[in-house]
C-alpha atoms as a PDB file:
ATOM      1  CA  UNK A   1    -137.197 141.873-156.165  1.00  0.00           C
ATOM      2  CA  UNK A   2    -137.240 138.428-155.933  1.00  0.00           C
ATOM      3  CA  UNK A   3    -134.269 136.186-154.695  1.00  0.00           C
ATOM      4  CA  UNK A   4    -131.841 135.525-157.124  1.00  0.00           C
ATOM      5  CA  UNK A   5    -128.350 133.656-157.050  1.00  0.00           C
ATOM      6  CA  UNK A   6    -125.286 135.795-156.507  1.00  0.00           C
ATOM      7  CA  UNK A   7    -123.879 135.770-160.015  1.00  0.00           C
ATOM      8  CA  UNK A   8    -127.050 137.174-161.451  1.00  0.00           C
ATOM      9  CA  UNK A   9    -127.184 139.694-158.411  1.00  0.00           C
ATOM     10  CA  UNK A  10    -123.500 141.023-158.874  1.00  0.00           C
ATOM     11  CA  UNK A  11    -124.166 141.368-162.926  1.00  0.00           C
ATOM     12  CA  UNK A  12    -127.255 143.517-162.128  1.00  0.00           C
ATOM     13  CA  UNK A  13    -125.407 145.787-159.525  1.00  0.00           C
ATOM     14  CA  UNK A  14    -122.668 146.407-162.227  1.00  0.00           C
ATOM     15  CA  UNK A  15    -125.509 147.445-164.330  1.00  0.00           C
ATOM     16  CA  UNK A  16    -126.860 149.819-161.831  1.00  0.00           C
ATOM     17  CA  UNK A  17    -123.231 151.039-161.309  1.00  0.00           C
ATOM     18  CA  UNK A  18    -122.853 151.750-164.904  1.00  0.00           C
ATOM     19  CA  UNK A  19    -126.333 153.642-165.171  1.00  0.00           C
ATOM     20  CA  UNK A  20    -125.953 155.468-161.447  1.00  0.00           C
ATOM     21  CA  UNK A  21    -122.303 155.881-161.185  1.00  0.00           C
ATOM     22  CA  UNK A  22    -122.663 154.659-157.621  1.00  0.00           C
ATOM     23  CA  UNK A  23    -124.396 152.393-155.307  1.00  0.00           C
ATOM     24  CA  UNK A  24    -125.062 152.281-151.331  1.00  0.00           C
ATOM     25  CA  UNK A  25    -125.262 149.027-149.406  1.00  0.00           C
ATOM     26  CA  UNK A  26    -128.686 149.979-147.683  1.00  0.00           C
ATOM     27  CA  UNK A  27    -130.381 150.864-150.842  1.00  0.00           C
ATOM     28  CA  UNK A  28    -129.235 147.551-152.756  1.00  0.00           C
ATOM     29  CA  UNK A  29    -129.768 145.252-149.659  1.00  0.00           C
ATOM     30  CA  UNK A  30    -133.579 146.795-149.920  1.00  0.00           C
ATOM     31  CA  UNK A  31    -133.369 146.113-153.660  1.00  0.00           C
ATOM     32  CA  UNK A  32    -132.360 142.703-153.746  1.00  0.00           C
ATOM     33  CA  UNK A  33    -134.050 141.756-150.429  1.00  0.00           C
ATOM     34  CA  UNK A  34    -131.052 140.423-148.966  1.00  0.00           C
ATOM     35  CA  UNK A  35    -128.587 141.603-145.725  1.00  0.00           C
ATOM     36  CA  UNK A  36    -126.188 144.076-145.665  1.00  0.00           C
ATOM     37  CA  UNK A  37    -123.571 141.482-145.287  1.00  0.00           C
ATOM     38  CA  UNK A  38    -124.596 139.824-148.446  1.00  0.00           C
ATOM     39  CA  UNK A  39    -124.006 142.913-150.363  1.00  0.00           C
ATOM     40  CA  UNK A  40    -120.942 143.745-148.712  1.00  0.00           C
ATOM     41  CA  UNK A  41    -119.649 140.418-149.894  1.00  0.00           C
ATOM     42  CA  UNK A  42    -121.024 140.894-153.442  1.00  0.00           C
ATOM     43  CA  UNK A  43    -118.971 144.324-153.841  1.00  0.00           C
ATOM     44  CA  UNK A  44    -115.860 143.152-152.254  1.00  0.00           C
ATOM     45  CA  UNK A  45    -115.916 140.336-155.096  1.00  0.00           C
ATOM     46  CA  UNK A  46    -116.495 143.092-157.624  1.00  0.00           C
ATOM     47  CA  UNK A  47    -113.581 145.091-156.055  1.00  0.00           C
ATOM     48  CA  UNK A  48    -111.241 142.347-156.036  1.00  0.00           C
ATOM     49  CA  UNK A  49    -111.793 141.575-160.156  1.00  0.00           C
ATOM     50  CA  UNK A  50    -111.604 145.316-160.774  1.00  0.00           C
ATOM     51  CA  UNK A  51    -115.071 145.850-161.581  1.00  0.00           C
ATOM     52  CA  UNK A  52    -116.114 148.166-158.920  1.00  0.00           C
ATOM     53  CA  UNK A  53    -114.375 150.682-156.556  1.00  0.00           C
ATOM     54  CA  UNK A  54    -115.539 150.415-152.953  1.00  0.00           C
ATOM     55  CA  UNK A  55    -116.791 153.672-151.389  1.00  0.00           C
ATOM     56  CA  UNK A  56    -117.879 154.526-147.967  1.00  0.00           C
ATOM     57  CA  UNK A  57    -120.847 152.812-147.580  1.00  0.00           C
ATOM     58  CA  UNK A  58    -121.117 151.404-151.114  1.00  0.00           C
ATOM     59  CA  UNK A  59    -119.535 151.536-154.306  1.00  0.00           C
ATOM     60  CA  UNK A  60    -118.673 153.636-157.344  1.00  0.00           C
ATOM     61  CA  UNK A  61    -118.491 152.850-160.903  1.00  0.00           C
ATOM     62  CA  UNK A  62    -114.774 152.688-162.419  1.00  0.00           C
ATOM     63  CA  UNK A  63    -115.896 154.909-165.342  1.00  0.00           C
ATOM     64  CA  UNK A  64    -116.804 157.539-162.710  1.00  0.00           C
ATOM     65  CA  UNK A  65    -120.038 158.514-163.988  1.00  0.00           C
ATOM     66  CA  UNK A  66    -121.474 159.612-160.522  1.00  0.00           C
ATOM     67  CA  UNK A  67    -119.137 162.522-160.734  1.00  0.00           C
ATOM     68  CA  UNK A  68    -120.318 163.914-164.093  1.00  0.00           C
ATOM     69  CA  UNK A  69    -121.463 167.176-162.862  1.00  0.00           C
ATOM     70  CA  UNK A  70    -124.803 168.358-163.548  1.00  0.00           C
ATOM     71  CA  UNK A  71    -123.674 171.264-166.082  1.00  0.00           C
ATOM     72  CA  UNK A  72    -122.116 168.314-168.447  1.00  0.00           C
ATOM     73  CA  UNK A  73    -125.417 166.203-168.346  1.00  0.00           C
ATOM     74  CA  UNK A  74    -127.345 169.651-169.137  1.00  0.00           C
ATOM     75  CA  UNK A  75    -125.265 170.032-172.475  1.00  0.00           C
ATOM     76  CA  UNK A  76    -125.769 166.562-173.504  1.00  0.00           C
ATOM     77  CA  UNK A  77    -128.383 165.839-175.886  1.00  0.00           C
ATOM     78  CA  UNK A  78    -129.436 169.694-175.175  1.00  0.00           C
ATOM     79  CA  UNK A  79    -131.400 170.165-178.416  1.00  0.00           C
ATOM     80  CA  UNK A  80    -133.435 167.159-177.958  1.00  0.00           C
ATOM     81  CA  UNK A  81    -134.320 168.164-174.340  1.00  0.00           C
ATOM     82  CA  UNK A  82    -135.133 171.367-175.468  1.00  0.00           C
ATOM     83  CA  UNK A  83    -137.617 170.211-178.145  1.00  0.00           C
ATOM     84  CA  UNK A  84    -139.258 168.206-175.380  1.00  0.00           C
ATOM     85  CA  UNK A  85    -139.794 171.041-173.100  1.00  0.00           C
ATOM     86  CA  UNK A  86    -140.812 172.865-175.768  1.00  0.00           C
ATOM     87  CA  UNK A  87    -143.910 170.581-176.084  1.00  0.00           C
ATOM     88  CA  UNK A  88    -144.588 170.577-172.171  1.00  0.00           C
ATOM     89  CA  UNK A  89    -144.642 174.381-172.356  1.00  0.00           C
ATOM     90  CA  UNK A  90    -148.500 173.400-173.738  1.00  0.00           C
ATOM     91  CA  UNK A  91    -149.548 172.185-170.372  1.00  0.00           C
ATOM     92  CA  UNK A  92    -148.503 175.596-168.654  1.00  0.00           C
ATOM     93  CA  UNK A  93    -151.580 177.214-167.196  1.00  0.00           C
ATOM     94  CA  UNK A  94    -152.984 180.786-167.581  1.00  0.00           C
ATOM     95  CA  UNK A  95    -152.688 180.623-163.859  1.00  0.00           C
ATOM     96  CA  UNK A  96    -151.464 178.478-160.962  1.00  0.00           C
ATOM     97  CA  UNK A  97    -148.192 177.335-159.396  1.00  0.00           C
ATOM     98  CA  UNK A  98    -145.660 175.151-161.523  1.00  0.00           C
ATOM     99  CA  UNK A  99    -143.458 172.774-159.876  1.00  0.00           C
ATOM    100  CA  UNK A 100    -139.812 171.745-161.200  1.00  0.00           C
ATOM    101  CA  UNK A 101    -138.456 168.695-160.384  1.00  0.00           C
ATOM    102  CA  UNK A 102    -134.328 168.453-160.165  1.00  0.00           C
ATOM    103  CA  UNK A 103    -132.697 167.179-163.163  1.00  0.00           C
ATOM    104  CA  UNK A 104    -130.374 168.157-166.336  1.00  0.00           C
ATOM    105  CA  UNK A 105    -133.718 167.812-168.573  1.00  0.00           C
ATOM    106  CA  UNK A 106    -136.062 170.069-166.260  1.00  0.00           C
ATOM    107  CA  UNK A 107    -133.221 172.823-166.058  1.00  0.00           C
ATOM    108  CA  UNK A 108    -134.186 173.188-169.912  1.00  0.00           C
ATOM    109  CA  UNK A 109    -137.575 173.729-168.936  1.00  0.00           C
ATOM    110  CA  UNK A 110    -136.368 176.224-166.412  1.00  0.00           C
ATOM    111  CA  UNK A 111    -134.544 177.799-169.451  1.00  0.00           C
ATOM    112  CA  UNK A 112    -137.894 178.257-171.692  1.00  0.00           C
ATOM    113  CA  UNK A 113    -139.806 179.592-168.625  1.00  0.00           C
ATOM    114  CA  UNK A 114    -137.384 182.074-167.904  1.00  0.00           C
ATOM    115  CA  UNK A 115    -138.420 183.766-171.088  1.00  0.00           C
ATOM    116  CA  UNK A 116    -142.281 184.123-169.798  1.00  0.00           C
ATOM    117  CA  UNK A 117    -143.260 186.253-167.056  1.00  0.00           C
ATOM    118  CA  UNK A 118    -145.975 186.199-164.393  1.00  0.00           C
ATOM    119  CA  UNK A 119    -145.535 182.274-163.518  1.00  0.00           C
ATOM    120  CA  UNK A 120    -145.320 181.231-160.060  1.00  0.00           C
ATOM    121  CA  UNK A 121    -142.684 178.399-159.718  1.00  0.00           C
ATOM    122  CA  UNK A 122    -141.715 175.854-157.146  1.00  0.00           C
ATOM    123  CA  UNK A 123    -138.344 173.758-157.677  1.00  0.00           C
ATOM    124  CA  UNK A 124    -136.164 171.684-155.803  1.00  0.00           C
ATOM    125  CA  UNK A 125    -133.519 172.170-158.178  1.00  0.00           C
ATOM    126  CA  UNK A 126    -130.720 175.205-157.431  1.00  0.00           C
ATOM    127  CA  UNK A 127    -130.000 174.702-161.144  1.00  0.00           C
ATOM    128  CA  UNK A 128    -133.199 175.683-162.258  1.00  0.00           C
ATOM    129  CA  UNK A 129    -133.673 178.411-159.572  1.00  0.00           C
ATOM    130  CA  UNK A 130    -130.318 179.946-160.745  1.00  0.00           C
ATOM    131  CA  UNK A 131    -131.607 179.927-164.598  1.00  0.00           C
ATOM    132  CA  UNK A 132    -134.890 181.759-163.168  1.00  0.00           C
ATOM    133  CA  UNK A 133    -132.928 184.237-161.055  1.00  0.00           C
ATOM    134  CA  UNK A 134    -133.497 187.388-163.440  1.00  0.00           C
ATOM    135  CA  UNK A 135    -136.641 186.330-164.908  1.00  0.00           C
ATOM    136  CA  UNK A 136    -140.163 188.125-164.202  1.00  0.00           C
ATOM    137  CA  UNK A 137    -141.436 185.080-162.381  1.00  0.00           C
ATOM    138  CA  UNK A 138    -141.721 184.219-158.849  1.00  0.00           C
ATOM    139  CA  UNK A 139    -139.732 181.563-157.726  1.00  0.00           C
ATOM    140  CA  UNK A 140    -140.041 179.600-154.609  1.00  0.00           C
ATOM    141  CA  UNK A 141    -137.243 177.225-153.689  1.00  0.00           C
ATOM    142  CA  UNK A 142    -137.880 174.176-151.270  1.00  0.00           C
ATOM    143  CA  UNK A 143    -136.045 174.080-147.935  1.00  0.00           C
ATOM    144  CA  UNK A 144    -133.848 171.168-147.279  1.00  0.00           C
ATOM    145  CA  UNK A 145    -130.316 169.479-147.372  1.00  0.00           C
ATOM    146  CA  UNK A 146    -128.314 170.249-150.308  1.00  0.00           C
ATOM    147  CA  UNK A 147    -127.055 167.212-152.804  1.00  0.00           C
ATOM    148  CA  UNK A 148    -124.051 168.824-154.630  1.00  0.00           C
ATOM    149  CA  UNK A 149    -123.974 165.749-157.436  1.00  0.00           C
ATOM    150  CA  UNK A 150    -127.280 166.972-158.560  1.00  0.00           C
ATOM    151  CA  UNK A 151    -127.800 170.594-157.184  1.00  0.00           C
ATOM    152  CA  UNK A 152    -131.052 169.723-155.724  1.00  0.00           C
ATOM    153  CA  UNK A 153    -132.767 170.103-152.378  1.00  0.00           C
ATOM    154  CA  UNK A 154    -133.880 167.151-150.671  1.00  0.00           C
ATOM    155  CA  UNK A 155    -134.769 165.379-146.931  1.00  0.00           C
ATOM    156  CA  UNK A 156    -137.567 165.861-144.823  1.00  0.00           C
ATOM    157  CA  UNK A 157    -137.976 169.564-144.775  1.00  0.00           C
ATOM    158  CA  UNK A 158    -138.361 169.191-148.683  1.00  0.00           C
ATOM    159  CA  UNK A 159    -140.911 166.701-148.683  1.00  0.00           C
ATOM    160  CA  UNK A 160    -142.848 168.442-145.675  1.00  0.00           C
ATOM    161  CA  UNK A 161    -142.634 171.588-147.377  1.00  0.00           C
ATOM    162  CA  UNK A 162    -144.269 170.136-150.798  1.00  0.00           C
ATOM    163  CA  UNK A 163    -147.111 168.355-148.646  1.00  0.00           C
ATOM    164  CA  UNK A 164    -148.115 171.890-147.942  1.00  0.00           C
ATOM    165  CA  UNK A 165    -148.502 172.559-151.493  1.00  0.00           C
ATOM    166  CA  UNK A 166    -151.101 172.199-154.444  1.00  0.00           C
ATOM    167  CA  UNK A 167    -149.805 172.825-157.964  1.00  0.00           C
ATOM    168  CA  UNK A 168    -151.191 173.084-161.247  1.00  0.00           C
ATOM    169  CA  UNK A 169    -148.723 171.007-163.077  1.00  0.00           C
ATOM    170  CA  UNK A 170    -145.530 169.297-162.061  1.00  0.00           C
ATOM    171  CA  UNK A 171    -142.669 168.512-164.281  1.00  0.00           C
ATOM    172  CA  UNK A 172    -140.304 165.349-163.361  1.00  0.00           C
ATOM    173  CA  UNK A 173    -137.504 163.851-164.749  1.00  0.00           C
ATOM    174  CA  UNK A 174    -135.947 160.246-164.352  1.00  0.00           C
ATOM    175  CA  UNK A 175    -132.389 158.616-164.568  1.00  0.00           C
ATOM    176  CA  UNK A 176    -134.191 155.529-166.462  1.00  0.00           C
ATOM    177  CA  UNK A 177    -136.991 153.063-166.498  1.00  0.00           C
ATOM    178  CA  UNK A 178    -135.802 149.856-168.194  1.00  0.00           C
ATOM    179  CA  UNK A 179    -137.110 146.906-166.170  1.00  0.00           C
ATOM    180  CA  UNK A 180    -139.424 149.009-164.079  1.00  0.00           C
ATOM    181  CA  UNK A 181    -143.192 149.743-164.682  1.00  0.00           C
ATOM    182  CA  UNK A 182    -142.433 153.621-164.138  1.00  0.00           C
ATOM    183  CA  UNK A 183    -139.959 156.391-164.089  1.00  0.00           C
ATOM    184  CA  UNK A 184    -137.105 155.444-161.691  1.00  0.00           C
ATOM    185  CA  UNK A 185    -133.993 157.355-160.225  1.00  0.00           C
ATOM    186  CA  UNK A 186    -130.792 156.652-158.877  1.00  0.00           C
ATOM    187  CA  UNK A 187    -131.573 157.101-154.853  1.00  0.00           C
ATOM    188  CA  UNK A 188    -134.040 156.767-152.659  1.00  0.00           C
ATOM    189  CA  UNK A 189    -134.074 160.464-151.379  1.00  0.00           C
ATOM    190  CA  UNK A 190    -134.578 161.945-154.669  1.00  0.00           C
ATOM    191  CA  UNK A 191    -137.492 159.276-154.919  1.00  0.00           C
ATOM    192  CA  UNK A 192    -139.119 160.497-151.711  1.00  0.00           C
ATOM    193  CA  UNK A 193    -139.229 163.968-153.172  1.00  0.00           C
ATOM    194  CA  UNK A 194    -140.851 163.076-156.128  1.00  0.00           C
ATOM    195  CA  UNK A 195    -143.471 160.893-154.529  1.00  0.00           C
ATOM    196  CA  UNK A 196    -144.207 163.941-152.408  1.00  0.00           C
ATOM    197  CA  UNK A 197    -145.362 166.191-155.232  1.00  0.00           C
ATOM    198  CA  UNK A 198    -147.368 163.613-157.014  1.00  0.00           C
ATOM    199  CA  UNK A 199    -150.599 163.877-154.886  1.00  0.00           C
ATOM    200  CA  UNK A 200    -150.471 167.393-154.894  1.00  0.00           C
ATOM    201  CA  UNK A 201    -150.210 168.307-158.391  1.00  0.00           C
ATOM    202  CA  UNK A 202    -153.260 168.350-160.840  1.00  0.00           C
ATOM    203  CA  UNK A 203    -151.197 167.095-163.639  1.00  0.00           C
ATOM    204  CA  UNK A 204    -147.827 165.403-163.177  1.00  0.00           C
ATOM    205  CA  UNK A 205    -145.737 165.137-166.668  1.00  0.00           C
ATOM    206  CA  UNK A 206    -142.536 163.251-166.957  1.00  0.00           C
ATOM    207  CA  UNK A 207    -139.908 164.534-169.626  1.00  0.00           C
ATOM    208  CA  UNK A 208    -137.327 162.518-170.862  1.00  0.00           C
ATOM    209  CA  UNK A 209    -135.191 161.638-173.911  1.00  0.00           C
ATOM    210  CA  UNK A 210    -135.644 157.973-175.292  1.00  0.00           C
ATOM    211  CA  UNK A 211    -131.993 156.823-174.237  1.00  0.00           C
ATOM    212  CA  UNK A 212    -133.605 156.508-170.734  1.00  0.00           C
ATOM    213  CA  UNK A 213    -135.564 153.519-172.067  1.00  0.00           C
ATOM    214  CA  UNK A 214    -132.236 151.191-171.944  1.00  0.00           C
ATOM    215  CA  UNK A 215    -131.136 152.611-168.634  1.00  0.00           C
ATOM    216  CA  UNK A 216    -132.069 150.964-165.183  1.00  0.00           C
ATOM    217  CA  UNK A 217    -131.937 153.198-162.607  1.00  0.00           C
ATOM    218  CA  UNK A 218    -132.351 151.960-158.912  1.00  0.00           C
ATOM    219  CA  UNK A 219    -135.762 152.856-157.411  1.00  0.00           C
ATOM    220  CA  UNK A 220    -138.945 153.429-159.360  1.00  0.00           C
ATOM    221  CA  UNK A 221    -140.935 156.395-157.605  1.00  0.00           C
ATOM    222  CA  UNK A 222    -144.559 155.981-159.379  1.00  0.00           C
ATOM    223  CA  UNK A 223    -145.941 153.936-161.640  1.00  0.00           C
ATOM    224  CA  UNK A 224    -146.796 155.312-165.082  1.00  0.00           C
ATOM    225  CA  UNK A 225    -150.846 155.278-164.289  1.00  0.00           C
ATOM    226  CA  UNK A 226    -149.585 158.122-161.543  1.00  0.00           C
ATOM    227  CA  UNK A 227    -148.485 160.076-164.397  1.00  0.00           C
ATOM    228  CA  UNK A 228    -150.781 162.000-166.621  1.00  0.00           C
ATOM    229  CA  UNK A 229    -148.659 162.442-169.419  1.00  0.00           C
ATOM    230  CA  UNK A 230    -144.971 160.886-170.477  1.00  0.00           C
ATOM    231  CA  UNK A 231    -143.182 163.458-173.327  1.00  0.00           C
ATOM    232  CA  UNK A 232    -140.357 161.519-174.974  1.00  0.00           C
ATOM    233  CA  UNK A 233    -138.714 161.700-178.733  1.00  0.00           C
ATOM    234  CA  UNK A 234    -139.940 159.623-181.537  1.00  0.00           C
ATOM    235  CA  UNK A 235    -136.933 157.024-181.146  1.00  0.00           C
ATOM    236  CA  UNK A 236    -139.065 155.287-178.193  1.00  0.00           C
ATOM    237  CA  UNK A 237    -138.655 151.666-178.935  1.00  0.00           C
ATOM    238  CA  UNK A 238    -142.064 150.473-179.976  1.00  0.00           C
ATOM    239  CA  UNK A 239    -142.416 147.617-177.304  1.00  0.00           C
ATOM    240  CA  UNK A 240    -141.764 150.348-174.920  1.00  0.00           C
ATOM    241  CA  UNK A 241    -144.140 152.781-176.298  1.00  0.00           C
ATOM    242  CA  UNK A 242    -147.090 149.926-176.261  1.00  0.00           C
ATOM    243  CA  UNK A 243    -146.142 149.053-172.707  1.00  0.00           C
ATOM    244  CA  UNK A 244    -146.370 152.609-171.504  1.00  0.00           C
ATOM    245  CA  UNK A 245    -149.453 153.882-173.380  1.00  0.00           C
ATOM    246  CA  UNK A 246    -151.459 151.125-171.655  1.00  0.00           C
ATOM    247  CA  UNK A 247    -150.943 153.149-168.548  1.00  0.00           C
ATOM    248  CA  UNK A 248    -150.388 156.915-169.251  1.00  0.00           C
ATOM    249  CA  UNK A 249    -150.762 159.008-172.428  1.00  0.00           C
ATOM    250  CA  UNK A 250    -147.458 159.187-174.414  1.00  0.00           C
ATOM    251  CA  UNK A 251    -146.365 162.229-176.307  1.00  0.00           C
ATOM    252  CA  UNK A 252    -143.569 161.394-179.074  1.00  0.00           C
ATOM    253  CA  UNK A 253    -141.873 164.474-180.390  1.00  0.00           C
ATOM    254  CA  UNK A 254    -139.794 164.390-183.736  1.00  0.00           C
ATOM    255  CA  UNK A 255    -136.679 165.401-183.026  1.00  0.00           C
ATOM    256  CA  UNK A 256    -134.892 163.769-186.297  1.00  0.00           C
ATOM    257  CA  UNK A 257    -135.651 166.829-188.185  1.00  0.00           C
END
């Protein structure tokens, strides 16, 4: 991101806080291409005016969005997420390995796969693995460090393991993509995990409801050109549809009927 004045940067920090719940000083410094000390001054100012709360290494939203458990996020717009994942089932191969990303929408994909048998599923999501626990599928969990906020596994061990894989299809999520030219997430570690699977999957599918089009997550993990299919609902704004369609195949699912 090019250099911007302090007021504009602080406004953008507040938007990132609203969308993601929390921010880290190092991530913001990289994102805005400024020093950590500059970000510390921004966060101190935002705290002084009551717009943010300081935390260890960064700040959190005064609305505590980041503390919403994944179980709550899974239940939000559950019908829409299920319909999107039902469409995504069309990409499940007769044979081959499936990769499931972390995130609330992908848990709905796991719920549908749990009703099937004979699949080999690799996942970095403990929530998805728990759904698949008693299914007639083979479930493989990536190693790594637990992220309790997202109930996912991440870090060097995770990416190292993923780099040894070849899968038929990966199903990926996003925290938002406004202001980006591809799907984005809230932190760099999650982005690294997603980036690791992209070259190792024959087909990459992003599943997301259209509300993420108006949410700006912190870091883009891929260009839409790196994604083979984007499955979303028919409420996606037309300008966003037109832009993304130039780079990948967008599949709109009617969720209003």
